[in-house]
Amino acid sequence: MDKLEKYSSIIQKILQEYAQFSQDKDIETELIFDTIRHHYQIVNVGWKNDNWIYGCILHLDIKNDKIWIQHNGTEIEIGE
């Protein structure tokens, strides 16, 4: 397994594990994996109390053989 495949696999595993902790049944937690361009996200979407909810929770990219944390909306230090 080359470095890019290894990073992609690790990122997908981390995001899948984090997405399992979704607590609100009205809000859908979407995993978005663009394995061609190497963009990976967790996004929450849905309706709550007549309000549309949309928010990126985590966004990671692989660029130049490095993992870039584009957005971390969690309390977890994912870079650690």
N, C-alpha and C. Protein backbone atom coordinates (compact mmCIF):
# COMPACT_ATOMS: atom_id res chain seq x y z
N MET A 1 0.85 -1.18 0.00
CA MET A 1 0.00 0.00 0.00
C MET A 1 0.90 1.24 0.00
N ASP A 2 0.66 2.13 -0.95
CA ASP A 2 1.47 3.34 -0.99
C ASP A 2 0.97 4.36 0.03
N LYS A 3 1.73 5.42 0.18
CA LYS A 3 1.46 6.43 1.21
C LYS A 3 0.08 7.06 1.03
N LEU A 4 -0.28 7.39 -0.20
CA LEU A 4 -1.57 8.02 -0.47
C LEU A 4 -2.73 7.10 -0.10
N GLU A 5 -2.64 5.83 -0.46
CA GLU A 5 -3.69 4.87 -0.11
C GLU A 5 -3.77 4.67 1.40
N LYS A 6 -2.62 4.66 2.05
CA LYS A 6 -2.59 4.49 3.50
C LYS A 6 -3.27 5.67 4.19
N TYR A 7 -2.91 6.90 3.78
CA TYR A 7 -3.54 8.09 4.36
C TYR A 7 -5.05 8.09 4.13
N SER A 8 -5.46 7.76 2.90
CA SER A 8 -6.88 7.72 2.57
C SER A 8 -7.62 6.73 3.46
N SER A 9 -7.05 5.57 3.63
CA SER A 9 -7.66 4.54 4.46
C SER A 9 -7.78 4.99 5.92
N ILE A 10 -6.74 5.59 6.45
CA ILE A 10 -6.75 6.07 7.84
C ILE A 10 -7.81 7.15 8.03
N ILE A 11 -7.87 8.11 7.11
CA ILE A 11 -8.85 9.19 7.21
C ILE A 11 -10.27 8.64 7.17
N GLN A 12 -10.54 7.74 6.24
CA GLN A 12 -11.88 7.17 6.14
C GLN A 12 -12.27 6.42 7.41
N LYS A 13 -11.34 5.69 7.98
CA LYS A 13 -11.62 4.96 9.22
C LYS A 13 -11.94 5.93 10.36
N ILE A 14 -11.16 6.97 10.50
CA ILE A 14 -11.38 7.97 11.56
C ILE A 14 -12.75 8.62 11.40
N LEU A 15 -13.09 9.03 10.18
CA LEU A 15 -14.37 9.70 9.96
C LEU A 15 -15.55 8.74 10.18
N GLN A 16 -15.40 7.49 9.77
CA GLN A 16 -16.47 6.51 10.00
C GLN A 16 -16.69 6.28 11.49
N GLU A 17 -15.61 6.20 12.25
CA GLU A 17 -15.73 6.01 13.69
C GLU A 17 -16.38 7.21 14.35
N TYR A 18 -15.97 8.41 13.95
CA TYR A 18 -16.56 9.62 14.54
C TYR A 18 -18.04 9.74 14.20
N ALA A 19 -18.42 9.41 12.97
CA ALA A 19 -19.81 9.55 12.53
C ALA A 19 -20.76 8.64 13.31
N GLN A 20 -20.26 7.57 13.89
CA GLN A 20 -21.10 6.66 14.66
C GLN A 20 -21.63 7.32 15.94
N PHE A 21 -21.00 8.41 16.37
CA PHE A 21 -21.40 9.05 17.62
C PHE A 21 -22.48 10.11 17.42
N SER A 22 -23.07 10.14 16.23
CA SER A 22 -24.15 11.09 15.97
C SER A 22 -25.26 10.87 16.99
N GLN A 23 -25.69 11.94 17.66
CA GLN A 23 -26.64 11.81 18.76
C GLN A 23 -28.06 12.24 18.40
N ASP A 24 -28.22 13.01 17.35
CA ASP A 24 -29.53 13.54 17.00
C ASP A 24 -30.12 12.73 15.85
N LYS A 25 -31.23 12.06 16.11
CA LYS A 25 -31.84 11.19 15.10
C LYS A 25 -32.52 11.98 13.98
N ASP A 26 -32.80 13.27 14.19
CA ASP A 26 -33.42 14.10 13.16
C ASP A 26 -32.41 14.64 12.16
N ILE A 27 -31.15 14.63 12.53
CA ILE A 27 -30.10 15.17 11.67
C ILE A 27 -29.31 14.01 11.08
N GLU A 28 -29.17 14.03 9.76
CA GLU A 28 -28.41 12.98 9.08
C GLU A 28 -26.93 13.35 9.04
N THR A 29 -26.11 12.40 9.40
CA THR A 29 -24.66 12.58 9.33
C THR A 29 -24.18 11.92 8.05
N GLU A 30 -23.65 12.74 7.13
CA GLU A 30 -23.19 12.23 5.84
C GLU A 30 -21.67 12.14 5.82
N LEU A 31 -21.18 11.03 5.35
CA LEU A 31 -19.76 10.85 5.09
C LEU A 31 -19.53 11.11 3.61
N ILE A 32 -18.63 12.00 3.30
CA ILE A 32 -18.34 12.34 1.91
C ILE A 32 -16.88 12.02 1.64
N PHE A 33 -16.65 11.05 0.78
CA PHE A 33 -15.29 10.62 0.44
C PHE A 33 -15.07 10.80 -1.05
N ASP A 34 -14.24 11.73 -1.43
CA ASP A 34 -13.81 11.89 -2.83
C ASP A 34 -12.41 11.31 -2.91
N THR A 35 -12.34 10.03 -3.22
CA THR A 35 -11.06 9.33 -3.21
C THR A 35 -10.23 9.61 -4.46
N ILE A 36 -10.80 10.27 -5.45
CA ILE A 36 -10.05 10.65 -6.65
C ILE A 36 -9.27 11.95 -6.38
N ARG A 37 -9.96 12.94 -5.81
CA ARG A 37 -9.33 14.24 -5.53
C ARG A 37 -8.86 14.37 -4.08
N HIS A 38 -9.16 13.35 -3.27
CA HIS A 38 -8.70 13.24 -1.89
C HIS A 38 -9.25 14.33 -0.96
N HIS A 39 -10.59 14.44 -0.98
CA HIS A 39 -11.32 15.30 -0.06
C HIS A 39 -12.22 14.40 0.78
N TYR A 40 -12.26 14.64 2.08
CA TYR A 40 -13.02 13.78 3.00
C TYR A 40 -13.73 14.67 4.01
N GLN A 41 -15.05 14.44 4.17
CA GLN A 41 -15.83 15.30 5.07
C GLN A 41 -16.89 14.51 5.83
N ILE A 42 -17.26 15.08 6.97
CA ILE A 42 -18.49 14.69 7.67
C ILE A 42 -19.35 15.94 7.68
N VAL A 43 -20.59 15.79 7.22
CA VAL A 43 -21.52 16.91 7.15
C VAL A 43 -22.83 16.51 7.81
N ASN A 44 -23.40 17.39 8.60
CA ASN A 44 -24.72 17.17 9.19
C ASN A 44 -25.76 17.94 8.38
N VAL A 45 -26.87 17.26 8.04
CA VAL A 45 -27.97 17.89 7.31
C VAL A 45 -29.29 17.39 7.86
N GLY A 46 -30.30 18.25 7.83
CA GLY A 46 -31.63 17.83 8.27
C GLY A 46 -32.41 18.99 8.84
N TRP A 47 -33.62 18.69 9.28
CA TRP A 47 -34.51 19.68 9.86
C TRP A 47 -34.60 19.48 11.37
N LYS A 48 -34.56 20.57 12.10
CA LYS A 48 -34.74 20.53 13.55
C LYS A 48 -35.53 21.77 13.96
N ASN A 49 -36.70 21.54 14.57
CA ASN A 49 -37.57 22.63 15.02
C ASN A 49 -37.83 23.64 13.90
N ASP A 50 -38.19 23.14 12.72
CA ASP A 50 -38.48 23.97 11.54
C ASP A 50 -37.29 24.77 11.03
N ASN A 51 -36.10 24.41 11.43
CA ASN A 51 -34.89 25.06 10.94
C ASN A 51 -34.05 24.06 10.16
N TRP A 52 -33.55 24.49 9.02
CA TRP A 52 -32.67 23.64 8.22
C TRP A 52 -31.28 23.67 8.83
N ILE A 53 -30.75 22.50 9.05
CA ILE A 53 -29.41 22.35 9.63
C ILE A 53 -28.47 21.87 8.54
N TYR A 54 -27.37 22.56 8.36
CA TYR A 54 -26.32 22.13 7.46
C TYR A 54 -25.00 22.59 8.06
N GLY A 55 -24.10 21.66 8.24
CA GLY A 55 -22.82 22.07 8.79
C GLY A 55 -21.74 21.02 8.58
N CYS A 56 -20.60 21.51 8.20
CA CYS A 56 -19.44 20.64 8.05
C CYS A 56 -18.83 20.43 9.43
N ILE A 57 -18.67 19.17 9.82
CA ILE A 57 -18.10 18.83 11.11
C ILE A 57 -16.59 18.64 10.99
N LEU A 58 -16.18 17.87 10.01
CA LEU A 58 -14.75 17.63 9.75
C LEU A 58 -14.51 17.67 8.25
N HIS A 59 -13.39 18.28 7.86
CA HIS A 59 -13.00 18.31 6.46
C HIS A 59 -11.49 18.11 6.40
N LEU A 60 -11.08 17.00 5.81
CA LEU A 60 -9.66 16.68 5.66
C LEU A 60 -9.35 16.49 4.18
N ASP A 61 -8.19 16.92 3.76
CA ASP A 61 -7.71 16.71 2.40
C ASP A 61 -6.32 16.10 2.46
N ILE A 62 -5.95 15.44 1.38
CA ILE A 62 -4.57 14.99 1.22
C ILE A 62 -3.99 15.82 0.08
N LYS A 63 -2.95 16.59 0.39
CA LYS A 63 -2.29 17.44 -0.60
C LYS A 63 -0.78 17.27 -0.45
N ASN A 64 -0.12 17.07 -1.56
CA ASN A 64 1.34 16.96 -1.55
C ASN A 64 1.84 15.96 -0.51
N ASP A 65 1.19 14.81 -0.45
CA ASP A 65 1.56 13.73 0.48
C ASP A 65 1.46 14.13 1.94
N LYS A 66 0.59 15.09 2.25
CA LYS A 66 0.34 15.51 3.64
C LYS A 66 -1.16 15.58 3.87
N ILE A 67 -1.56 15.31 5.10
CA ILE A 67 -2.97 15.44 5.48
C ILE A 67 -3.20 16.86 5.97
N TRP A 68 -4.14 17.53 5.33
CA TRP A 68 -4.50 18.90 5.70
C TRP A 68 -5.83 18.88 6.44
N ILE A 69 -5.86 19.47 7.62
CA ILE A 69 -7.10 19.62 8.37
C ILE A 69 -7.70 20.96 7.95
N GLN A 70 -8.67 20.90 7.05
CA GLN A 70 -9.28 22.12 6.53
C GLN A 70 -10.28 22.72 7.53
N HIS A 71 -10.98 21.82 8.25
CA HIS A 71 -11.94 22.29 9.26
C HIS A 71 -12.11 21.20 10.30
N ASN A 72 -12.09 21.59 11.55
CA ASN A 72 -12.35 20.67 12.65
C ASN A 72 -13.36 21.33 13.57
N GLY A 73 -14.62 20.92 13.45
CA GLY A 73 -15.69 21.46 14.28
C GLY A 73 -15.97 20.60 15.49
N THR A 74 -14.99 19.80 15.89
CA THR A 74 -15.16 18.91 17.04
C THR A 74 -14.26 19.38 18.17
N GLU A 75 -14.41 18.74 19.31
CA GLU A 75 -13.52 19.02 20.44
C GLU A 75 -12.31 18.10 20.43
N ILE A 76 -12.27 17.20 19.46
CA ILE A 76 -11.17 16.24 19.36
C ILE A 76 -10.02 16.88 18.61
N GLU A 77 -8.83 16.73 19.15
CA GLU A 77 -7.62 17.19 18.45
C GLU A 77 -7.22 16.13 17.44
N ILE A 78 -7.85 16.19 16.27
CA ILE A 78 -7.70 15.14 15.28
C ILE A 78 -6.27 15.07 14.74
N GLY A 79 -5.53 16.15 14.80
CA GLY A 79 -4.15 16.17 14.35
C GLY A 79 -3.21 15.40 15.27
N GLU A 80 -3.65 15.15 16.47
CA GLU A 80 -2.83 14.41 17.40
C GLU A 80 -2.89 12.97 17.04
